Amino acid sequence: MLLYDIVRVSRQIGGTASRLQKVWLLAGLLNRIAPDDVATAIGLLCGEPRQGPIGFGPRAVPRALRIAKGPVAALAELDGHRCGTR
């Protein structure tokens, strides 16, 4: 699963007032996540990555979007616990 998938569903959840729709969106996402990616995805969805604070706040987002190039990260690439950096 890609980070893009998490972000897309998170935006969809935030964009609907329907609790039922939120549940369906979240359930659909969680059913597609590989077992090894569940903890990483849950942390990202809750706003608490397993690595702790990443030092990247809302003010940095517009600049990051302007300079972002290359492939989108897979969840496994984001998780320092699995990459040996934590």
C-alpha atoms as a PDB file:
ATOM      1  CA  MET A   1       0.000   0.000   0.000  1.00  0.00           C
ATOM      2  CA  LEU A   2       1.162   3.497  -0.760  1.00  0.00           C
ATOM      3  CA  LEU A   3       1.098   6.578   1.440  1.00  0.00           C
ATOM      4  CA  TYR A   4      -1.100   8.128  -1.267  1.00  0.00           C
ATOM      5  CA  ASP A   5      -3.815   5.581  -0.474  1.00  0.00           C
ATOM      6  CA  ILE A   6      -3.808   6.570   3.199  1.00  0.00           C
ATOM      7  CA  VAL A   7      -3.922  10.285   2.356  1.00  0.00           C
ATOM      8  CA  ARG A   8      -6.686   9.863  -0.221  1.00  0.00           C
ATOM      9  CA  VAL A   9      -8.954   7.903   2.124  1.00  0.00           C
ATOM     10  CA  SER A  10      -8.175  10.238   5.010  1.00  0.00           C
ATOM     11  CA  ARG A  11      -9.298  13.187   2.880  1.00  0.00           C
ATOM     12  CA  GLN A  12     -12.440  11.328   1.832  1.00  0.00           C
ATOM     13  CA  ILE A  13     -13.253  10.589   5.480  1.00  0.00           C
ATOM     14  CA  GLY A  14     -12.731  14.237   6.385  1.00  0.00           C
ATOM     15  CA  GLY A  15     -14.913  15.320   3.499  1.00  0.00           C
ATOM     16  CA  THR A  16     -18.055  13.478   4.530  1.00  0.00           C
ATOM     17  CA  ALA A  17     -20.372  14.067   7.467  1.00  0.00           C
ATOM     18  CA  SER A  18     -21.886  10.589   7.186  1.00  0.00           C
ATOM     19  CA  ARG A  19     -20.623   8.266   9.910  1.00  0.00           C
ATOM     20  CA  LEU A  20     -21.639   5.266   7.862  1.00  0.00           C
ATOM     21  CA  GLN A  21     -19.638   6.514   4.879  1.00  0.00           C
ATOM     22  CA  LYS A  22     -16.621   7.117   7.146  1.00  0.00           C
ATOM     23  CA  VAL A  23     -16.870   3.552   8.450  1.00  0.00           C
ATOM     24  CA  TRP A  24     -17.126   2.124   4.933  1.00  0.00           C
ATOM     25  CA  LEU A  25     -14.144   4.156   3.698  1.00  0.00           C
ATOM     26  CA  LEU A  26     -11.996   3.169   6.665  1.00  0.00           C
ATOM     27  CA  ALA A  27     -13.034  -0.491   6.493  1.00  0.00           C
ATOM     28  CA  GLY A  28     -12.264  -0.607   2.781  1.00  0.00           C
ATOM     29  CA  LEU A  29      -8.810   0.840   3.386  1.00  0.00           C
ATOM     30  CA  LEU A  30      -8.001  -1.465   6.287  1.00  0.00           C
ATOM     31  CA  ASN A  31      -9.099  -4.537   4.309  1.00  0.00           C
ATOM     32  CA  ARG A  32      -6.524  -3.698   1.610  1.00  0.00           C
ATOM     33  CA  ILE A  33      -3.562  -3.154   3.942  1.00  0.00           C
ATOM     34  CA  ALA A  34      -0.926  -5.875   4.138  1.00  0.00           C
ATOM     35  CA  PRO A  35      -0.546  -7.310   7.660  1.00  0.00           C
ATOM     36  CA  ASP A  36       2.960  -5.854   7.989  1.00  0.00           C
ATOM     37  CA  ASP A  37       1.636  -2.367   7.159  1.00  0.00           C
ATOM     38  CA  VAL A  38      -1.269  -2.269   9.629  1.00  0.00           C
ATOM     39  CA  ALA A  39       0.607  -0.656  12.538  1.00  0.00           C
ATOM     40  CA  THR A  40       2.183   1.938  10.241  1.00  0.00           C
ATOM     41  CA  ALA A  41      -1.154   2.783   8.609  1.00  0.00           C
ATOM     42  CA  ILE A  42      -2.994   3.059  11.929  1.00  0.00           C
ATOM     43  CA  GLY A  43      -0.325   5.407  13.275  1.00  0.00           C
ATOM     44  CA  LEU A  44      -0.579   7.610  10.197  1.00  0.00           C
ATOM     45  CA  LEU A  45      -4.384   7.638  10.289  1.00  0.00           C
ATOM     46  CA  CYS A  46      -4.304   8.652  13.956  1.00  0.00           C
ATOM     47  CA  GLY A  47      -1.715  11.349  13.330  1.00  0.00           C
ATOM     48  CA  GLU A  48       0.850   9.562  15.485  1.00  0.00           C
ATOM     49  CA  PRO A  49       3.500   7.865  13.317  1.00  0.00           C
ATOM     50  CA  ARG A  50       5.339   5.072  15.118  1.00  0.00           C
ATOM     51  CA  GLN A  51       8.593   6.999  14.698  1.00  0.00           C
ATOM     52  CA  GLY A  52       7.230   9.865  16.792  1.00  0.00           C
ATOM     53  CA  PRO A  53       7.292  13.470  15.595  1.00  0.00           C
ATOM     54  CA  ILE A  54       8.689  13.794  12.099  1.00  0.00           C
ATOM     55  CA  GLY A  55       9.435  17.508  12.218  1.00  0.00           C
ATOM     56  CA  PHE A  56       7.188  18.246   9.275  1.00  0.00           C
ATOM     57  CA  GLY A  57       4.287  20.507  10.128  1.00  0.00           C
ATOM     58  CA  PRO A  58       1.420  22.045   8.177  1.00  0.00           C
ATOM     59  CA  ARG A  59       3.459  25.085   7.165  1.00  0.00           C
ATOM     60  CA  ALA A  60       5.910  22.845   5.285  1.00  0.00           C
ATOM     61  CA  VAL A  61       3.254  21.107   3.181  1.00  0.00           C
ATOM     62  CA  PRO A  62       2.850  23.720   0.394  1.00  0.00           C
ATOM     63  CA  ARG A  63       6.600  23.819  -0.233  1.00  0.00           C
ATOM     64  CA  ALA A  64       6.861  20.029  -0.178  1.00  0.00           C
ATOM     65  CA  LEU A  65       4.061  19.745  -2.719  1.00  0.00           C
ATOM     66  CA  ARG A  66       5.853  22.158  -5.055  1.00  0.00           C
ATOM     67  CA  ILE A  67       9.155  20.264  -4.948  1.00  0.00           C
ATOM     68  CA  ALA A  68       7.851  16.675  -4.666  1.00  0.00           C
ATOM     69  CA  LYS A  69       9.121  14.489  -7.469  1.00  0.00           C
ATOM     70  CA  GLY A  70       9.735  10.796  -7.920  1.00  0.00           C
ATOM     71  CA  PRO A  71       7.837   7.721  -6.801  1.00  0.00           C
ATOM     72  CA  VAL A  72       5.330   7.776  -3.977  1.00  0.00           C
ATOM     73  CA  ALA A  73       6.516   5.994  -0.844  1.00  0.00           C
ATOM     74  CA  ALA A  74       5.211   2.602   0.153  1.00  0.00           C
ATOM     75  CA  LEU A  75       4.231   2.318   3.820  1.00  0.00           C
ATOM     76  CA  ALA A  76       7.144  -0.039   4.481  1.00  0.00           C
ATOM     77  CA  GLU A  77       9.551   2.712   3.388  1.00  0.00           C
ATOM     78  CA  LEU A  78       8.104   5.128   5.948  1.00  0.00           C
ATOM     79  CA  ASP A  79       8.339   2.914   8.993  1.00  0.00           C
ATOM     80  CA  GLY A  80      11.607   3.368  10.847  1.00  0.00           C
ATOM     81  CA  HIS A  81      10.722   0.434  13.085  1.00  0.00           C
ATOM     82  CA  ARG A  82      10.975  -1.932  10.113  1.00  0.00           C
ATOM     83  CA  CYS A  83      13.842  -0.124   8.392  1.00  0.00           C
ATOM     84  CA  GLY A  84      16.147  -0.343  11.401  1.00  0.00           C
ATOM     85  CA  THR A  85      16.281   3.409  11.971  1.00  0.00           C
ATOM     86  CA  ARG A  86      14.375   3.410  15.227  1.00  0.00           C
END
